[in-house]
Amino acid sequence: MNGLPNVSTANTAEPAQEAAVSRSVAPVPRAAHTPLEDVQGILTGCLFVALSLAFMRDSRLLPGGIAGLSFLLHYGSGWSLGAVLFALNLPFYVFAWRALGAAFTLKTFCAVAVLAVYTEVLPHLLSFASLNPVFSAIMGGLLAGSGILMLIRHGASLGGLGAMAIWLQQRKGWRAGSVQMLCDVAILASALWLLPADRVALSVLAAAALNFVIAINHRPDRYHGI
């Protein structure tokens, strides 16, 4: 009537424009990995972790999580590391099945089985004539973190505390790397009765390197759908 824009029309147009812009910048849903891609991811991720364990075993260091408990039993009893690693993870499959679903649990079972085989085979394929323990701790942690990140991206884990950390991140929003780090520190502190203090300290350094990789790179709030 007086030459001013129709207020009701302008107000209703703005939400429609905002919705259109929102749809244009919304992340495109990521296609699921194919079975072949999952196999590649699990085989490669487990190989990275197995190489990490080779570094740590030759330097007499201790990884975190269930692998750390497996190392303690291996060091203390001389039992096969791969067999102990596989057996200790068995109780966690029930939790993973109920909390994270059948697909995640089956992939995790396969990943742990592959890692157990790699752990027994790799000592026959490589050896270290000289290995600096500080380098071993850092490189071992970075390799393990990268391998675990591959498994996470393909909907798997190495069972045990890792599965619980992923579940807490999905349900509670807690950082998987931070949860894992707290558990690792508790396990490594318990190793003081078996390993020298300097080796335990280097093991903590390895755990920090591992969880640094996961905490920085596994960010659902930054990488949509990953």
Protein backbone atom coordinates (compact mmCIF):
# COMPACT_ATOMS: atom_id res chain seq x y z
CA MET A 1 0.00 0.00 0.00
CA ASN A 2 2.66 2.55 0.99
CA GLY A 3 5.48 1.20 -1.22
CA LEU A 4 7.18 -0.85 1.54
CA PRO A 5 7.84 -4.56 0.87
CA ASN A 6 5.22 -6.99 2.04
CA VAL A 7 6.67 -8.10 5.41
CA SER A 8 4.86 -11.41 5.56
CA THR A 9 6.06 -12.40 2.08
CA ALA A 10 9.69 -11.49 2.86
CA ASN A 11 9.67 -13.40 6.14
CA THR A 12 8.33 -16.56 4.56
CA ALA A 13 10.82 -16.37 1.68
CA GLU A 14 13.90 -16.20 3.91
CA PRO A 15 13.47 -19.64 5.56
CA ALA A 16 12.92 -21.19 2.12
CA GLN A 17 16.13 -19.60 0.85
CA GLU A 18 18.02 -20.73 3.96
CA ALA A 19 16.73 -24.27 3.50
CA ALA A 20 17.89 -24.28 -0.12
CA VAL A 21 21.36 -23.05 0.89
CA SER A 22 21.49 -25.63 3.68
CA ARG A 23 20.71 -28.42 1.24
CA SER A 24 23.34 -27.17 -1.19
CA VAL A 25 26.14 -27.28 1.39
CA ALA A 26 25.01 -30.40 3.24
CA PRO A 27 27.58 -33.22 3.11
CA VAL A 28 26.91 -35.84 0.49
CA PRO A 29 26.33 -39.23 2.17
CA ARG A 30 29.41 -41.41 1.86
CA ALA A 31 28.90 -44.67 0.02
CA ALA A 32 29.52 -47.80 2.04
CA HIS A 33 32.75 -49.67 1.47
CA THR A 34 32.52 -52.69 -0.78
CA PRO A 35 33.41 -56.12 0.69
CA LEU A 36 36.69 -56.07 -1.26
CA GLU A 37 37.55 -52.66 0.17
CA ASP A 38 36.80 -53.92 3.68
CA VAL A 39 39.09 -56.92 3.15
CA GLN A 40 41.87 -54.64 1.93
CA GLY A 41 41.39 -52.27 4.87
CA ILE A 42 41.42 -55.05 7.45
CA LEU A 43 44.45 -56.83 5.98
CA THR A 44 46.43 -53.59 5.67
CA GLY A 45 45.40 -52.14 9.02
CA CYS A 46 46.27 -55.37 10.83
CA LEU A 47 49.64 -55.49 9.07
CA PHE A 48 50.45 -52.00 10.33
CA VAL A 49 49.53 -53.02 13.87
CA ALA A 50 51.52 -56.26 13.60
CA LEU A 51 54.58 -54.29 12.50
CA SER A 52 54.06 -52.05 15.52
CA LEU A 53 53.99 -55.08 17.82
CA ALA A 54 57.19 -56.35 16.19
CA PHE A 55 58.92 -53.06 17.06
CA MET A 56 57.65 -53.23 20.62
CA ARG A 57 58.44 -56.88 21.22
CA ASP A 58 62.02 -56.50 20.02
CA SER A 59 62.46 -53.45 22.27
CA ARG A 60 60.65 -55.17 25.15
CA LEU A 61 58.01 -52.47 25.30
CA LEU A 62 54.35 -52.82 26.09
CA PRO A 63 51.38 -51.68 23.97
CA GLY A 64 48.15 -50.56 25.56
CA GLY A 65 44.74 -52.21 25.67
CA ILE A 66 44.15 -55.94 25.41
CA ALA A 67 47.37 -56.19 23.40
CA GLY A 68 49.20 -54.88 26.46
CA LEU A 69 47.64 -57.52 28.69
CA SER A 70 48.58 -60.11 26.07
CA PHE A 71 52.18 -58.90 26.13
CA LEU A 72 52.27 -59.14 29.93
CA LEU A 73 51.16 -62.78 29.77
CA HIS A 74 53.57 -63.43 26.90
CA TYR A 75 56.51 -61.91 28.77
CA GLY A 76 55.62 -63.61 32.05
CA SER A 77 54.73 -67.08 30.78
CA GLY A 78 56.31 -67.45 27.36
CA TRP A 79 52.94 -68.37 25.82
CA SER A 80 52.31 -67.62 22.16
CA LEU A 81 51.52 -63.91 21.79
CA GLY A 82 49.08 -64.47 18.94
CA ALA A 83 47.13 -67.15 20.80
CA VAL A 84 46.90 -65.08 23.99
CA LEU A 85 45.81 -62.01 22.02
CA PHE A 86 43.03 -63.97 20.32
CA ALA A 87 41.83 -65.65 23.52
CA LEU A 88 41.68 -62.49 25.64
CA ASN A 89 39.43 -60.80 23.10
CA LEU A 90 36.78 -63.54 23.12
CA PRO A 91 34.68 -62.14 26.02
CA PHE A 92 34.41 -58.74 24.37
CA TYR A 93 32.63 -60.11 21.31
CA VAL A 94 29.45 -60.55 23.34
CA PHE A 95 29.56 -56.89 24.36
CA ALA A 96 30.38 -55.76 20.81
CA TRP A 97 27.53 -57.82 19.32
CA ARG A 98 24.96 -56.26 21.66
CA ALA A 99 26.31 -52.71 21.63
CA LEU A 100 27.69 -52.24 18.11
CA GLY A 101 25.94 -54.83 15.96
CA ALA A 102 26.69 -58.03 14.11
CA ALA A 103 28.62 -56.50 11.18
CA PHE A 104 31.06 -54.64 13.45
CA THR A 105 31.56 -57.73 15.62
CA LEU A 106 32.22 -60.07 12.69
CA LYS A 107 34.71 -57.65 11.13
CA THR A 108 36.41 -57.23 14.50
CA PHE A 109 36.61 -61.00 14.97
CA CYS A 110 38.27 -61.31 11.55
CA ALA A 111 40.65 -58.44 12.31
CA VAL A 112 41.79 -59.98 15.61
CA ALA A 113 42.25 -63.37 13.93
CA VAL A 114 44.33 -61.81 11.13
CA LEU A 115 46.43 -59.88 13.65
CA ALA A 116 47.05 -63.06 15.66
CA VAL A 117 48.33 -64.80 12.52
CA TYR A 118 50.47 -61.83 11.48
CA THR A 119 51.96 -61.67 14.98
CA GLU A 120 53.19 -65.25 14.70
CA VAL A 121 54.38 -64.99 11.09
CA LEU A 122 56.22 -61.66 11.08
CA PRO A 123 59.10 -62.74 13.37
CA HIS A 124 60.03 -65.23 10.63
CA LEU A 125 60.01 -62.52 7.95
CA LEU A 126 61.95 -59.69 9.56
CA SER A 127 64.39 -58.96 12.36
CA PHE A 128 66.12 -55.87 13.74
CA ALA A 129 69.90 -55.91 14.09
CA SER A 130 69.79 -52.53 15.82
CA LEU A 131 66.69 -50.82 17.16
CA ASN A 132 66.68 -47.62 19.20
CA PRO A 133 64.00 -48.01 21.90
CA VAL A 134 62.85 -44.38 21.68
CA PHE A 135 62.40 -44.65 17.92
CA SER A 136 60.74 -48.01 18.43
CA ALA A 137 58.21 -46.49 20.86
CA ILE A 138 57.33 -43.58 18.59
CA MET A 139 57.26 -45.54 15.34
CA GLY A 140 55.40 -48.41 16.95
CA GLY A 141 52.76 -46.05 18.30
CA LEU A 142 52.31 -44.25 14.99
CA LEU A 143 52.04 -47.51 13.06
CA ALA A 144 49.51 -48.92 15.50
CA GLY A 145 47.44 -45.73 15.45
CA SER A 146 47.39 -45.67 11.65
CA GLY A 147 46.41 -49.33 11.49
CA ILE A 148 43.64 -48.96 14.05
CA LEU A 149 42.35 -45.89 12.21
CA MET A 150 42.10 -47.95 9.02
CA LEU A 151 40.09 -50.57 10.87
CA ILE A 152 37.75 -47.95 12.35
CA ARG A 153 37.12 -46.48 8.90
CA HIS A 154 36.09 -49.94 7.71
CA GLY A 155 33.76 -50.59 10.64
CA ALA A 156 36.06 -52.83 12.65
CA SER A 157 38.43 -52.69 15.61
CA LEU A 158 40.88 -54.91 17.41
CA GLY A 159 38.28 -55.77 20.02
CA GLY A 160 38.58 -55.31 23.73
CA LEU A 161 38.95 -51.75 24.95
CA GLY A 162 38.95 -50.37 21.42
CA ALA A 163 35.40 -51.57 20.83
CA MET A 164 34.31 -50.04 24.12
CA ALA A 165 36.01 -46.72 23.27
CA ILE A 166 34.23 -46.54 19.90
CA TRP A 167 30.89 -47.31 21.55
CA LEU A 168 31.42 -44.54 24.13
CA GLN A 169 32.27 -42.08 21.36
CA GLN A 170 29.11 -42.98 19.43
CA ARG A 171 26.80 -42.95 22.44
CA LYS A 172 28.35 -40.38 24.79
CA GLY A 173 30.41 -38.21 22.48
CA TRP A 174 33.63 -39.03 24.31
CA ARG A 175 36.78 -39.04 22.16
CA ALA A 176 37.76 -42.63 21.39
CA GLY A 177 41.44 -41.68 21.60
CA SER A 178 41.04 -40.08 25.02
CA VAL A 179 39.16 -43.07 26.45
CA GLN A 180 41.74 -45.46 25.06
CA MET A 181 44.57 -43.36 26.46
CA LEU A 182 43.20 -43.47 30.00
CA CYS A 183 42.81 -47.25 29.82
CA ASP A 184 46.29 -47.63 28.37
CA VAL A 185 47.89 -45.63 31.17
CA ALA A 186 46.21 -47.84 33.77
CA ILE A 187 47.41 -51.03 32.04
CA LEU A 188 50.94 -49.73 31.54
CA ALA A 189 51.21 -48.63 35.15
CA SER A 190 50.42 -52.19 36.20
CA ALA A 191 53.43 -53.41 34.18
CA LEU A 192 55.95 -51.94 36.63
CA TRP A 193 56.13 -55.29 38.46
CA LEU A 194 57.43 -56.98 35.29
CA LEU A 195 59.29 -54.39 33.20
CA PRO A 196 61.96 -51.80 34.13
CA ALA A 197 60.64 -48.31 34.74
CA ASP A 198 62.37 -46.89 31.65
CA ARG A 199 60.62 -49.45 29.41
CA VAL A 200 57.27 -48.63 30.96
CA ALA A 201 57.94 -44.92 30.37
CA LEU A 202 58.74 -45.60 26.72
CA SER A 203 55.60 -47.72 26.50
CA VAL A 204 53.60 -44.71 27.68
CA LEU A 205 55.29 -42.70 24.91
CA ALA A 206 54.18 -45.33 22.39
CA ALA A 207 50.61 -45.20 23.72
CA ALA A 208 50.64 -41.40 23.45
CA ALA A 209 51.79 -41.58 19.82
CA LEU A 210 49.08 -44.16 19.04
CA ASN A 211 46.27 -42.21 20.62
CA PHE A 212 47.51 -38.93 19.14
CA VAL A 213 46.95 -40.38 15.66
CA ILE A 214 43.44 -41.57 16.53
CA ALA A 215 42.40 -38.43 18.44
CA ILE A 216 43.49 -36.12 15.61
CA ASN A 217 42.22 -38.16 12.67
CA HIS A 218 39.09 -39.87 14.00
CA ARG A 219 36.74 -36.90 14.33
CA PRO A 220 33.06 -37.61 13.50
CA ASP A 221 32.29 -33.93 14.08
CA ARG A 222 34.74 -33.04 11.31
CA TYR A 223 34.44 -35.98 8.90
CA HIS A 224 30.78 -36.64 8.24
CA GLY A 225 29.84 -40.28 8.04
CA ILE A 226 33.40 -41.54 8.70
